[in-house]
Amino acid sequence: MGKAILEMKGINKSFGNVSVLKDVDFTLQEGEVHALVGGNGAGKSTLMKIMTGVYSLDSGEIYINGERKNIQNTKDAKENGIAMIFQELSLVPTMTIAENIFLGEEITKTGFRDVSAMNKRAKEILNDLGIFINPELKVNQLSVGMSQMIEIAKAISKNARILVLDEPTASLSDSETVQLFRIIRQLKENGVSMVYISHRMNEILSISDAVTILRDGKKIITDNIENLDLDKIISHLVGGEASQKKFEWVEREYDANKDLILKVKNLKISDKIQNISFELQKGEILGIAGLMGSGRTEILETLFGIRKKLGGTIELLGKEININSSQDAIRYGFALIPEDRRRQGLVLGHSVKSNAILPYLRNLLIGKTYLISEKASNELANDDIKRLNIKTDSIHKRINLLSGGNQQKVVIAKWLNMNPKIMMLDEPTAGVDIGAKTEIIEIIRKFADEGKGVIFVSSELTELLSVCDRIITIFDGRITGSILRKNINSEEELQNAIQRSE
């Protein structure tokens, strides 16, 4: 590790009367991977947006290579070698890899784009990163993981020496994550410095050199990774052990012999995903564990009417039902917290209130009119905020301005308003900090305690083990087992069960 390439000293930032950053210091060494960790509203996104020129600071100083800089916009940040790889990719899907890499800075010849030269140079940049792919491919032909690599290549092509990686593995498979980490280590050897933002503690412990933890707009600690472990990081994050304990599995008391709330028999979704049979009891939290592409999401989408079943039966409270649309599913009492909350669960340009009341609109009409009662809708949204501890300064705030954890709580709130019988959650804590994870798990437990059913899908085995009463494993479109949580002694046991094809 060399000298400090970036120093942020005494950074303060407020929005109106709300102080978001309070005298925060942050130092990034040359060739360092520095994890920035914090809960919802901790200030990490604001700090990075100041570094990358999206926001201007109220007071404080920024130094690049020991020289004070005035970063007022993204152009200033770019000129100082700073680039951000966003969780929501910014590539143009209909353009080629090469065209995206040189977008706005095209190589020209006699006044026209030199496509051949751009393809050649793009291939050199990609090969230097160990990415061997045809630069003439369009981005919409790429996986999310490969698109992430192209984002990084694009930044490096513009001589970025400081990269900010925002939840880079949130949508990646295990193999894509391995490739990303290889590239990060290679960039590090080349002297590129990186700020790594993630809620996945195991990644932070494996890829980072140092960690800075923010809480409530203040820096709590900066330390080298060898001096930290999972317990220490979580303790600093939540300010104690209370939330951490909520994340531990608690054997729930529910009558395992109660009537079934749901029975799925020989469900066929596709030629690959078929013969899906399982039962869900009243008050049970049922986990579905499997590798990406095994059929987990497809099962939930079929139960919610997004996909049409090709065969099999679905019984709700002992009666066979036909679900031909999401409207049917909602009417029967199903709720789905989708995997991609920003695209499938929320209307990002609308307010917290608008999102919270969306499924409940018919119940908010004034008499037989088509007018919505402002009083009733305001009361409902405010009740949601209070009940689920959603951190926002107003029900009228645009939902895309909330942190990931608070956005997810709004998605959950809007379905709780419908008083569903069965809640289905697909990767409900992706991109959510430890504090919000514990709150979401507590919400799920309380819902099940009311005698309702929960189906919980997650790639995070620690989450499955902390919240589920029983876990079914699925491999390559077939259910391979059903295990009571109390009979699972370790994460390794569950991992082995997931990997088995029989």
Protein backbone atom coordinates (compact mmCIF):
# COMPACT_ATOMS: atom_id res chain seq x y z
CA MET A 1 0.00 0.00 0.00
CA GLY A 2 1.38 3.39 -0.94
CA LYS A 3 0.54 6.99 -0.27
CA ALA A 4 -2.92 8.48 0.17
CA ILE A 5 -4.41 9.08 -3.27
CA LEU A 6 -7.59 10.69 -1.87
CA GLU A 7 -8.37 12.44 1.41
CA MET A 8 -11.73 13.85 2.45
CA LYS A 9 -11.47 15.96 5.60
CA GLY A 10 -14.24 17.33 7.81
CA ILE A 11 -17.00 16.72 5.25
CA ASN A 12 -20.39 18.16 6.19
CA LYS A 13 -23.58 17.94 4.17
CA SER A 14 -27.20 18.79 4.97
CA PHE A 15 -30.43 18.65 3.01
CA GLY A 16 -32.70 21.32 4.41
CA ASN A 17 -32.70 20.89 8.18
CA VAL A 18 -31.47 17.29 7.99
CA SER A 19 -27.75 16.83 8.62
CA VAL A 20 -26.59 13.83 6.57
CA LEU A 21 -22.80 13.99 7.05
CA LYS A 22 -21.20 15.36 10.20
CA ASP A 23 -17.47 16.14 10.06
CA VAL A 24 -16.59 12.92 8.22
CA ASP A 25 -13.00 12.02 7.34
CA PHE A 26 -12.17 9.39 4.70
CA THR A 27 -8.77 8.39 3.31
CA LEU A 28 -8.10 6.08 0.36
CA GLN A 29 -4.62 4.71 -0.21
CA GLU A 30 -3.10 4.06 -3.63
CA GLY A 31 -3.82 0.50 -4.76
CA GLU A 32 -6.25 -0.12 -1.87
CA VAL A 33 -9.69 -1.71 -1.78
CA HIS A 34 -11.48 0.23 0.95
CA ALA A 35 -14.92 -0.95 2.04
CA LEU A 36 -17.44 1.73 3.00
CA VAL A 37 -20.12 0.26 5.23
CA GLY A 38 -23.19 1.68 6.93
CA GLY A 39 -26.87 1.20 7.57
CA ASN A 40 -29.79 2.98 5.94
CA GLY A 41 -29.25 6.72 6.12
CA ALA A 42 -25.70 6.33 7.43
CA GLY A 43 -24.39 8.73 4.79
CA LYS A 44 -22.20 6.47 2.66
CA SER A 45 -24.02 7.21 -0.62
CA THR A 46 -23.92 10.94 0.09
CA LEU A 47 -20.18 10.81 0.84
CA MET A 48 -19.52 8.99 -2.45
CA LYS A 49 -21.73 11.39 -4.39
CA ILE A 50 -19.67 14.27 -3.03
CA MET A 51 -16.49 12.46 -4.10
CA THR A 52 -17.88 11.85 -7.60
CA GLY A 53 -19.31 15.35 -8.04
CA VAL A 54 -23.01 14.48 -7.94
CA TYR A 55 -23.41 16.55 -4.76
CA SER A 56 -21.38 19.52 -3.59
CA LEU A 57 -20.17 19.60 0.01
CA ASP A 58 -21.33 22.22 2.51
CA SER A 59 -17.93 22.37 4.19
CA GLY A 60 -14.74 20.34 4.31
CA GLU A 61 -11.80 19.64 2.01
CA ILE A 62 -10.91 17.10 -0.67
CA TYR A 63 -7.33 16.29 -1.63
CA ILE A 64 -6.14 14.22 -4.61
CA ASN A 65 -2.49 13.17 -4.38
CA GLY A 66 -1.98 15.79 -1.69
CA GLU A 67 -3.41 18.66 -3.75
CA ARG A 68 -6.62 20.33 -2.66
CA LYS A 69 -9.39 20.00 -5.26
CA ASN A 70 -12.73 21.72 -5.77
CA ILE A 71 -15.05 18.99 -7.08
CA GLN A 72 -18.27 20.72 -8.06
CA ASN A 73 -19.64 18.31 -10.67
CA THR A 74 -19.07 14.95 -12.33
CA LYS A 75 -16.81 16.57 -14.94
CA ASP A 76 -14.46 17.71 -12.15
CA ALA A 77 -14.45 14.21 -10.68
CA LYS A 78 -13.71 12.64 -14.07
CA GLU A 79 -10.83 15.06 -14.68
CA ASN A 80 -9.39 13.94 -11.35
CA GLY A 81 -9.59 10.26 -12.31
CA ILE A 82 -12.68 9.37 -10.24
CA ALA A 83 -15.41 7.11 -11.64
CA MET A 84 -18.42 5.36 -10.10
CA ILE A 85 -19.72 1.96 -11.17
CA PHE A 86 -23.38 2.17 -10.22
CA GLN A 87 -25.57 -0.71 -9.07
CA GLU A 88 -28.01 0.25 -11.83
CA LEU A 89 -25.83 -0.02 -14.92
CA SER A 90 -25.58 3.04 -17.19
CA LEU A 91 -24.67 1.31 -20.46
CA VAL A 92 -26.79 1.81 -23.59
CA PRO A 93 -28.27 -1.65 -24.31
CA THR A 94 -28.70 -1.20 -28.08
CA MET A 95 -25.10 -0.10 -28.65
CA THR A 96 -22.04 -2.35 -28.94
CA ILE A 97 -19.49 -2.87 -26.20
CA ALA A 98 -16.97 -0.70 -28.06
CA GLU A 99 -19.52 2.05 -28.69
CA ASN A 100 -20.36 2.12 -24.97
CA ILE A 101 -16.72 2.24 -23.92
CA PHE A 102 -16.03 5.27 -26.15
CA LEU A 103 -19.45 6.93 -25.80
CA GLY A 104 -18.93 10.70 -25.93
CA GLU A 105 -15.24 10.27 -26.74
CA GLU A 106 -15.41 8.37 -30.02
CA ILE A 107 -12.27 7.75 -32.05
CA THR A 108 -12.70 9.59 -35.35
CA LYS A 109 -11.09 9.61 -38.76
CA THR A 110 -11.69 12.42 -41.28
CA GLY A 111 -14.55 13.65 -39.11
CA PHE A 112 -16.36 10.30 -38.87
CA ARG A 113 -16.41 7.60 -36.23
CA ASP A 114 -13.61 5.10 -36.79
CA VAL A 115 -15.51 1.95 -35.81
CA SER A 116 -12.62 -0.34 -36.68
CA ALA A 117 -10.21 1.61 -34.47
CA MET A 118 -12.72 1.68 -31.60
CA ASN A 119 -13.25 -2.08 -31.84
CA LYS A 120 -9.48 -2.68 -31.88
CA ARG A 121 -8.80 -0.39 -28.91
CA ALA A 122 -11.78 -1.78 -26.96
CA LYS A 123 -10.46 -5.31 -27.46
CA GLU A 124 -7.04 -4.25 -26.10
CA ILE A 125 -8.64 -2.66 -23.02
CA LEU A 126 -10.80 -5.73 -22.36
CA ASN A 127 -7.92 -8.17 -22.90
CA ASP A 128 -5.75 -6.20 -20.45
CA LEU A 129 -8.43 -6.91 -17.85
CA GLY A 130 -8.61 -10.58 -18.78
CA ILE A 131 -12.00 -10.13 -20.47
CA PHE A 132 -12.02 -11.99 -23.76
CA ILE A 133 -15.19 -11.02 -25.59
CA ASN A 134 -16.09 -9.62 -28.99
CA PRO A 135 -16.34 -5.80 -28.61
CA GLU A 136 -18.84 -5.73 -31.50
CA LEU A 137 -21.50 -7.51 -29.42
CA LYS A 138 -24.43 -5.37 -28.31
CA VAL A 139 -24.78 -4.84 -24.57
CA ASN A 140 -28.31 -6.29 -24.53
CA GLN A 141 -26.74 -9.65 -25.44
CA LEU A 142 -24.61 -9.66 -22.27
CA SER A 143 -25.29 -11.02 -18.78
CA VAL A 144 -25.53 -8.57 -15.88
CA GLY A 145 -22.11 -9.74 -14.70
CA MET A 146 -20.43 -9.09 -18.05
CA SER A 147 -22.13 -5.69 -18.29
CA GLN A 148 -20.55 -4.87 -14.93
CA MET A 149 -17.11 -5.76 -16.34
CA ILE A 150 -17.76 -3.49 -19.34
CA GLU A 151 -18.64 -0.62 -16.98
CA ILE A 152 -15.27 -1.09 -15.28
CA ALA A 153 -13.43 -1.31 -18.62
CA LYS A 154 -15.14 1.90 -19.71
CA ALA A 155 -13.95 3.72 -16.58
CA ILE A 156 -10.39 2.40 -16.93
CA SER A 157 -10.31 3.47 -20.59
CA LYS A 158 -10.86 7.02 -19.38
CA ASN A 159 -7.84 6.76 -17.07
CA ALA A 160 -9.81 6.49 -13.86
CA ARG A 161 -7.49 5.80 -10.92
CA ILE A 162 -10.22 5.82 -8.27
CA LEU A 163 -13.26 3.56 -8.73
CA VAL A 164 -16.35 3.53 -6.54
CA LEU A 165 -18.12 0.15 -6.76
CA ASP A 166 -21.71 0.38 -5.51
CA GLU A 167 -23.14 -3.04 -4.54
CA PRO A 168 -21.29 -4.60 -7.50
CA THR A 169 -22.34 -8.21 -6.82
CA ALA A 170 -26.02 -7.61 -6.00
CA SER A 171 -27.19 -9.17 -9.27
CA LEU A 172 -24.24 -11.46 -10.03
CA SER A 173 -24.01 -15.23 -9.98
CA ASP A 174 -21.27 -16.93 -7.96
CA SER A 175 -19.09 -17.43 -11.05
CA GLU A 176 -19.55 -13.80 -12.13
CA THR A 177 -18.60 -12.65 -8.63
CA VAL A 178 -15.40 -14.72 -8.83
CA GLN A 179 -14.55 -13.04 -12.14
CA LEU A 180 -15.28 -9.58 -10.73
CA PHE A 181 -13.01 -10.22 -7.75
CA ARG A 182 -10.25 -11.35 -10.12
CA ILE A 183 -10.53 -8.06 -11.99
CA ILE A 184 -10.58 -6.07 -8.73
CA ARG A 185 -7.36 -7.78 -7.61
CA GLN A 186 -5.76 -7.13 -11.00
CA LEU A 187 -6.73 -3.44 -10.89
CA LYS A 188 -5.30 -3.24 -7.39
CA GLU A 189 -1.97 -4.62 -8.64
CA ASN A 190 -2.04 -1.93 -11.33
CA GLY A 191 -2.33 0.76 -8.64
CA VAL A 192 -6.04 1.52 -9.08
CA SER A 193 -7.76 2.43 -5.80
CA MET A 194 -11.31 1.30 -5.10
CA VAL A 195 -14.08 2.15 -2.67
CA TYR A 196 -16.23 -0.96 -2.24
CA ILE A 197 -19.81 -0.46 -1.02
CA SER A 198 -21.61 -3.66 -0.05
CA HIS A 199 -23.93 -5.10 2.58
CA ARG A 200 -22.43 -8.57 2.11
CA MET A 201 -20.05 -8.95 4.99
CA ASN A 202 -18.32 -12.06 3.65
CA GLU A 203 -17.34 -10.15 0.50
CA ILE A 204 -15.99 -7.25 2.51
CA LEU A 205 -13.87 -9.57 4.63
CA SER A 206 -12.47 -11.36 1.57
CA ILE A 207 -11.79 -8.49 -0.86
CA SER A 208 -11.05 -5.40 1.27
CA ASP A 209 -7.84 -4.04 2.73
CA ALA A 210 -9.56 -1.59 5.07
CA VAL A 211 -13.04 -0.72 6.27
CA THR A 212 -14.69 2.57 7.20
CA ILE A 213 -18.01 2.35 9.04
CA LEU A 214 -20.53 5.20 9.09
CA ARG A 215 -23.52 5.46 11.38
CA ASP A 216 -26.05 8.32 11.49
CA GLY A 217 -23.82 10.53 9.35
CA LYS A 218 -20.70 10.09 11.50
CA LYS A 219 -17.58 8.06 11.00
CA ILE A 220 -17.48 5.35 13.66
CA ILE A 221 -14.23 3.61 12.79
CA THR A 222 -11.61 3.03 10.10
CA ASP A 223 -9.40 -0.04 10.50
CA ASN A 224 -7.42 -2.57 8.54
CA ILE A 225 -9.34 -5.70 7.64
CA GLU A 226 -7.01 -7.98 9.63
CA ASN A 227 -8.17 -6.26 12.80
CA LEU A 228 -11.87 -6.89 12.11
CA ASP A 229 -14.25 -9.83 11.92
CA LEU A 230 -17.97 -10.21 11.26
CA ASP A 231 -19.03 -9.70 14.88
CA LYS A 232 -16.95 -6.54 15.25
CA ILE A 233 -18.25 -5.02 12.02
CA ILE A 234 -21.89 -5.74 12.90
CA SER A 235 -21.41 -4.39 16.41
CA HIS A 236 -20.06 -1.09 15.00
CA LEU A 237 -22.85 -0.98 12.41
CA VAL A 238 -25.75 -1.36 14.79
CA GLY A 239 -24.16 0.15 17.87
CA GLY A 240 -24.48 -2.95 19.98
CA GLU A 241 -25.60 -6.55 19.97
CA ALA A 242 -29.40 -6.21 20.00
CA SER A 243 -29.92 -6.25 16.23
CA GLN A 244 -27.36 -8.99 15.76
CA LYS A 245 -29.31 -11.26 18.10
CA LYS A 246 -32.47 -10.71 16.04
CA PHE A 247 -30.55 -12.09 13.06
CA GLU A 248 -30.03 -15.40 14.85
CA TRP A 249 -32.47 -18.26 14.38
CA VAL A 250 -35.16 -18.60 16.99
CA GLU A 251 -37.21 -21.79 17.05
CA ARG A 252 -40.75 -20.57 16.56
CA GLU A 253 -43.75 -22.09 18.27
CA TYR A 254 -46.40 -22.96 15.73
CA ASP A 255 -48.60 -25.98 15.30
CA ALA A 256 -46.98 -28.08 12.60
CA ASN A 257 -50.18 -30.18 12.41
CA LYS A 258 -52.44 -27.23 11.65
CA ASP A 259 -54.45 -27.08 8.44
CA LEU A 260 -52.50 -26.46 5.26
CA ILE A 261 -52.76 -22.97 3.87
CA LEU A 262 -51.21 -23.95 0.53
CA LYS A 263 -50.67 -27.22 -1.31
CA VAL A 264 -48.82 -27.32 -4.62
CA LYS A 265 -48.89 -30.65 -6.46
CA ASN A 266 -46.97 -31.64 -9.62
CA LEU A 267 -46.70 -28.03 -10.77
CA LYS A 268 -45.20 -27.73 -14.26
CA ILE A 269 -43.79 -24.35 -15.20
CA SER A 270 -41.57 -25.34 -18.15
CA ASP A 271 -39.93 -28.42 -19.59
CA LYS A 272 -37.09 -27.84 -17.12
CA ILE A 273 -39.13 -26.90 -14.05
CA GLN A 274 -41.77 -29.53 -13.32
CA ASN A 275 -43.14 -31.98 -10.76
CA ILE A 276 -42.94 -29.22 -8.14
CA SER A 277 -44.83 -30.37 -5.04
CA PHE A 278 -44.76 -28.84 -1.57
CA GLU A 279 -47.03 -27.80 1.27
CA LEU A 280 -47.18 -24.67 3.43
CA GLN A 281 -48.79 -24.73 6.85
CA LYS A 282 -50.49 -21.88 8.67
CA GLY A 283 -47.91 -19.89 10.58
CA GLU A 284 -44.96 -21.50 8.77
CA ILE A 285 -41.99 -19.74 7.21
CA LEU A 286 -40.87 -21.96 4.34
CA GLY A 287 -37.52 -21.36 2.66
CA ILE A 288 -36.62 -22.30 -0.90
CA ALA A 289 -32.89 -22.84 -1.38
CA GLY A 290 -31.15 -23.45 -4.67
CA LEU A 291 -28.58 -22.15 -7.11
CA MET A 292 -29.37 -19.28 -9.48
CA GLY A 293 -31.46 -20.60 -12.36
CA SER A 294 -32.74 -23.58 -10.39
CA GLY A 295 -36.35 -22.41 -10.58
CA ARG A 296 -36.85 -20.55 -7.30
CA THR A 297 -38.11 -17.29 -8.80
CA GLU A 298 -40.21 -19.08 -11.42
CA ILE A 299 -42.17 -20.90 -8.69
CA LEU A 300 -43.08 -17.63 -6.97
CA GLU A 301 -43.95 -15.92 -10.25
CA THR A 302 -46.25 -18.81 -11.19
CA LEU A 303 -48.04 -18.65 -7.85
CA PHE A 304 -48.47 -14.91 -8.40
CA GLY A 305 -49.85 -15.29 -11.92
CA ILE A 306 -46.92 -13.70 -13.73
CA ARG A 307 -46.25 -17.05 -15.39
CA LYS A 308 -48.95 -19.51 -16.40
CA LYS A 309 -48.63 -23.05 -15.13
CA LEU A 310 -48.49 -25.78 -17.74
CA GLY A 311 -49.80 -28.45 -15.40
CA GLY A 312 -50.41 -29.47 -11.81
CA THR A 313 -52.71 -28.10 -9.12
CA ILE A 314 -52.69 -25.34 -6.52
CA GLU A 315 -54.89 -25.62 -3.44
CA LEU A 316 -55.56 -22.74 -1.04
CA LEU A 317 -57.10 -23.68 2.31
CA GLY A 318 -58.16 -27.05 0.90
CA LYS A 319 -59.79 -25.75 -2.30
CA GLU A 320 -58.25 -25.96 -5.77
CA ILE A 321 -57.78 -22.55 -7.37
CA ASN A 322 -56.82 -21.32 -10.83
CA ILE A 323 -54.42 -18.39 -11.00
CA ASN A 324 -54.42 -16.89 -14.49
CA SER A 325 -53.19 -13.41 -13.61
CA SER A 326 -51.67 -11.36 -10.82
CA GLN A 327 -55.14 -9.95 -10.16
CA ASP A 328 -56.34 -13.50 -9.48
CA ALA A 329 -53.41 -14.09 -7.12
CA ILE A 330 -54.04 -10.87 -5.20
CA ARG A 331 -57.74 -11.70 -4.90
CA TYR A 332 -56.89 -15.11 -3.44
CA GLY A 333 -54.56 -13.45 -0.91
CA PHE A 334 -51.08 -13.84 -2.37
CA ALA A 335 -48.46 -11.09 -2.10
CA LEU A 336 -45.09 -11.03 -3.90
CA ILE A 337 -42.02 -9.06 -2.85
CA PRO A 338 -40.10 -9.34 -6.15
CA GLU A 339 -36.38 -9.89 -6.63
CA ASP A 340 -35.85 -6.54 -8.37
CA ARG A 341 -37.73 -4.02 -6.22
CA ARG A 342 -36.71 -1.02 -8.32
CA ARG A 343 -38.09 -2.41 -11.58
CA GLN A 344 -40.86 -4.72 -10.40
CA GLY A 345 -41.85 -3.52 -6.94
CA LEU A 346 -41.86 0.28 -7.09
CA VAL A 347 -42.74 3.24 -9.28
CA LEU A 348 -39.49 5.14 -8.76
CA GLY A 349 -40.70 8.52 -9.94
CA HIS A 350 -43.61 8.52 -7.48
CA SER A 351 -43.79 9.29 -3.79
CA VAL A 352 -43.60 7.00 -0.77
CA LYS A 353 -47.34 7.52 -0.32
CA SER A 354 -48.23 6.69 -3.94
CA ASN A 355 -46.26 3.45 -3.77
CA ALA A 356 -47.65 2.44 -0.38
CA ILE A 357 -51.31 2.84 -1.40
CA LEU A 358 -51.02 1.46 -4.95
CA PRO A 359 -52.63 -2.01 -4.49
CA TYR A 360 -55.15 -0.57 -2.01
CA LEU A 361 -56.58 2.19 -4.23
CA ARG A 362 -60.08 0.68 -4.55
CA ASN A 363 -60.43 0.80 -0.77
CA LEU A 364 -59.56 4.50 -0.70
CA LEU A 365 -62.23 5.70 -3.14
CA ILE A 366 -64.75 8.25 -1.91
CA GLY A 367 -68.17 6.59 -2.13
CA LYS A 368 -68.97 5.46 -5.67
CA THR A 369 -66.68 8.03 -7.27
CA TYR A 370 -63.26 7.53 -8.77
CA LEU A 371 -61.74 10.07 -6.39
CA ILE A 372 -59.24 8.93 -3.78
CA SER A 373 -59.61 10.18 -0.23
CA GLU A 374 -56.51 12.22 0.55
CA LYS A 375 -57.15 11.94 4.27
CA ALA A 376 -57.46 8.15 4.22
CA SER A 377 -54.46 7.67 1.94
CA ASN A 378 -52.30 10.01 4.05
CA GLU A 379 -53.29 8.13 7.20
CA LEU A 380 -52.48 4.78 5.59
CA ALA A 381 -49.04 5.92 4.39
CA ASN A 382 -48.19 7.50 7.74
CA ASP A 383 -49.27 4.31 9.54
CA ASP A 384 -46.98 2.29 7.25
CA ILE A 385 -44.04 4.56 8.02
CA LYS A 386 -44.59 4.25 11.75
CA ARG A 387 -45.36 0.51 11.75
CA LEU A 388 -42.35 -0.52 9.65
CA ASN A 389 -39.94 2.19 10.84
CA ILE A 390 -39.50 3.60 7.33
CA LYS A 391 -36.98 6.43 7.45
CA THR A 392 -38.25 9.34 5.36
CA ASP A 393 -38.91 12.96 6.18
CA SER A 394 -42.24 12.92 4.32
CA ILE A 395 -44.78 10.57 2.77
CA HIS A 396 -44.50 12.82 -0.29
CA LYS A 397 -40.78 12.18 -0.79
CA ARG A 398 -39.91 10.43 -4.05
CA ILE A 399 -39.26 6.76 -3.38
CA ASN A 400 -36.00 6.67 -5.37
CA LEU A 401 -34.46 9.07 -2.83
CA LEU A 402 -34.83 6.51 -0.02
CA SER A 403 -32.15 3.98 0.86
CA GLY A 404 -32.49 0.40 -0.40
CA GLY A 405 -33.70 -0.91 2.94
CA ASN A 406 -36.39 1.74 3.29
CA GLN A 407 -37.53 1.19 -0.30
CA GLN A 408 -37.92 -2.51 0.47
CA LYS A 409 -39.94 -1.76 3.58
CA VAL A 410 -42.34 0.31 1.45
CA VAL A 411 -42.75 -2.67 -0.92
CA ILE A 412 -43.57 -4.90 2.05
CA ALA A 413 -45.90 -2.27 3.55
CA LYS A 414 -48.01 -1.94 0.41
CA TRP A 415 -48.73 -5.68 0.45
CA LEU A 416 -49.34 -5.81 4.19
CA ASN A 417 -52.04 -3.20 3.58
CA MET A 418 -53.85 -5.83 1.49
CA ASN A 419 -53.92 -8.24 4.46
CA PRO A 420 -52.64 -11.22 2.41
CA LYS A 421 -52.82 -14.87 3.44
CA ILE A 422 -49.46 -15.79 1.93
CA MET A 423 -46.43 -13.54 1.54
CA MET A 424 -43.78 -14.60 -0.96
CA LEU A 425 -40.40 -12.90 -0.74
CA ASP A 426 -37.73 -13.22 -3.45
CA GLU A 427 -34.26 -12.07 -2.29
CA PRO A 428 -35.90 -9.58 0.10
CA THR A 429 -32.66 -8.29 1.61
CA ALA A 430 -30.56 -7.85 -1.56
CA GLY A 431 -28.75 -4.52 -1.29
CA VAL A 432 -30.05 -4.00 2.24
CA ASP A 433 -27.86 -3.27 5.26
CA ILE A 434 -27.62 -5.44 8.38
CA GLY A 435 -29.89 -3.20 10.45
CA ALA A 436 -32.68 -3.23 7.86
CA LYS A 437 -32.24 -6.98 7.37
CA THR A 438 -33.01 -7.62 11.03
CA GLU A 439 -36.09 -5.37 10.81
CA ILE A 440 -37.37 -7.17 7.70
CA ILE A 441 -36.83 -10.56 9.36
CA GLU A 442 -38.80 -9.36 12.38
CA ILE A 443 -41.65 -8.19 10.10
CA ILE A 444 -41.74 -11.63 8.47
CA ARG A 445 -41.84 -13.41 11.83
CA LYS A 446 -44.71 -11.25 13.08
CA PHE A 447 -46.65 -11.90 9.87
CA ALA A 448 -46.24 -15.67 10.29
CA ASP A 449 -47.14 -15.43 13.98
CA GLU A 450 -50.60 -14.30 12.86
CA GLY A 451 -51.16 -17.78 11.40
CA LYS A 452 -50.37 -16.76 7.84
CA GLY A 453 -47.89 -18.37 5.44
CA VAL A 454 -44.50 -17.19 4.22
CA ILE A 455 -42.39 -18.46 1.31
CA PHE A 456 -38.85 -17.08 1.53
CA VAL A 457 -36.30 -17.28 -1.31
CA SER A 458 -32.73 -16.14 -0.71
CA SER A 459 -29.22 -16.79 -2.01
CA GLU A 460 -27.93 -15.81 1.44
CA LEU A 461 -27.87 -19.08 3.36
CA THR A 462 -27.41 -17.28 6.68
CA GLU A 463 -30.75 -15.54 6.07
CA LEU A 464 -32.55 -18.78 5.24
CA LEU A 465 -31.14 -20.35 8.39
CA SER A 466 -32.04 -17.36 10.55
CA VAL A 467 -35.68 -16.99 9.52
CA CYS A 468 -37.09 -20.27 8.15
CA ASP A 469 -38.86 -23.09 10.00
CA ARG A 470 -38.33 -25.50 7.13
CA ILE A 471 -36.30 -25.35 3.92
CA ILE A 472 -36.94 -27.15 0.65
CA THR A 473 -34.01 -27.53 -1.74
CA ILE A 474 -34.33 -27.26 -5.50
CA PHE A 475 -31.80 -28.31 -8.12
CA ASP A 476 -32.13 -27.80 -11.86
CA GLY A 477 -35.91 -27.39 -11.73
CA ARG A 478 -36.67 -30.26 -9.35
CA ILE A 479 -37.28 -30.29 -5.61
CA THR A 480 -34.62 -32.50 -4.04
CA GLY A 481 -35.41 -32.33 -0.33
CA SER A 482 -37.27 -30.85 2.63
CA ILE A 483 -35.41 -30.21 5.89
CA LEU A 484 -36.62 -28.87 9.22
CA ARG A 485 -34.46 -25.94 10.30
CA LYS A 486 -33.86 -27.48 13.71
CA ASN A 487 -32.18 -30.44 11.99
CA ILE A 488 -29.64 -28.27 10.13
CA ASN A 489 -26.48 -27.83 12.18
CA SER A 490 -24.44 -25.61 9.89
CA GLU A 491 -24.45 -23.52 6.74
CA GLU A 492 -22.21 -26.14 5.15
CA GLU A 493 -24.93 -28.79 5.58
CA LEU A 494 -27.43 -26.62 3.73
CA GLN A 495 -24.89 -25.79 1.03
CA ASN A 496 -24.28 -29.50 0.48
CA ALA A 497 -28.02 -30.16 0.27
CA ILE A 498 -28.42 -27.42 -2.36
CA GLN A 499 -25.63 -28.86 -4.51
CA ARG A 500 -27.10 -32.36 -4.57
CA SER A 501 -29.08 -33.28 -7.67
CA GLU A 502 -30.91 -36.09 -5.85
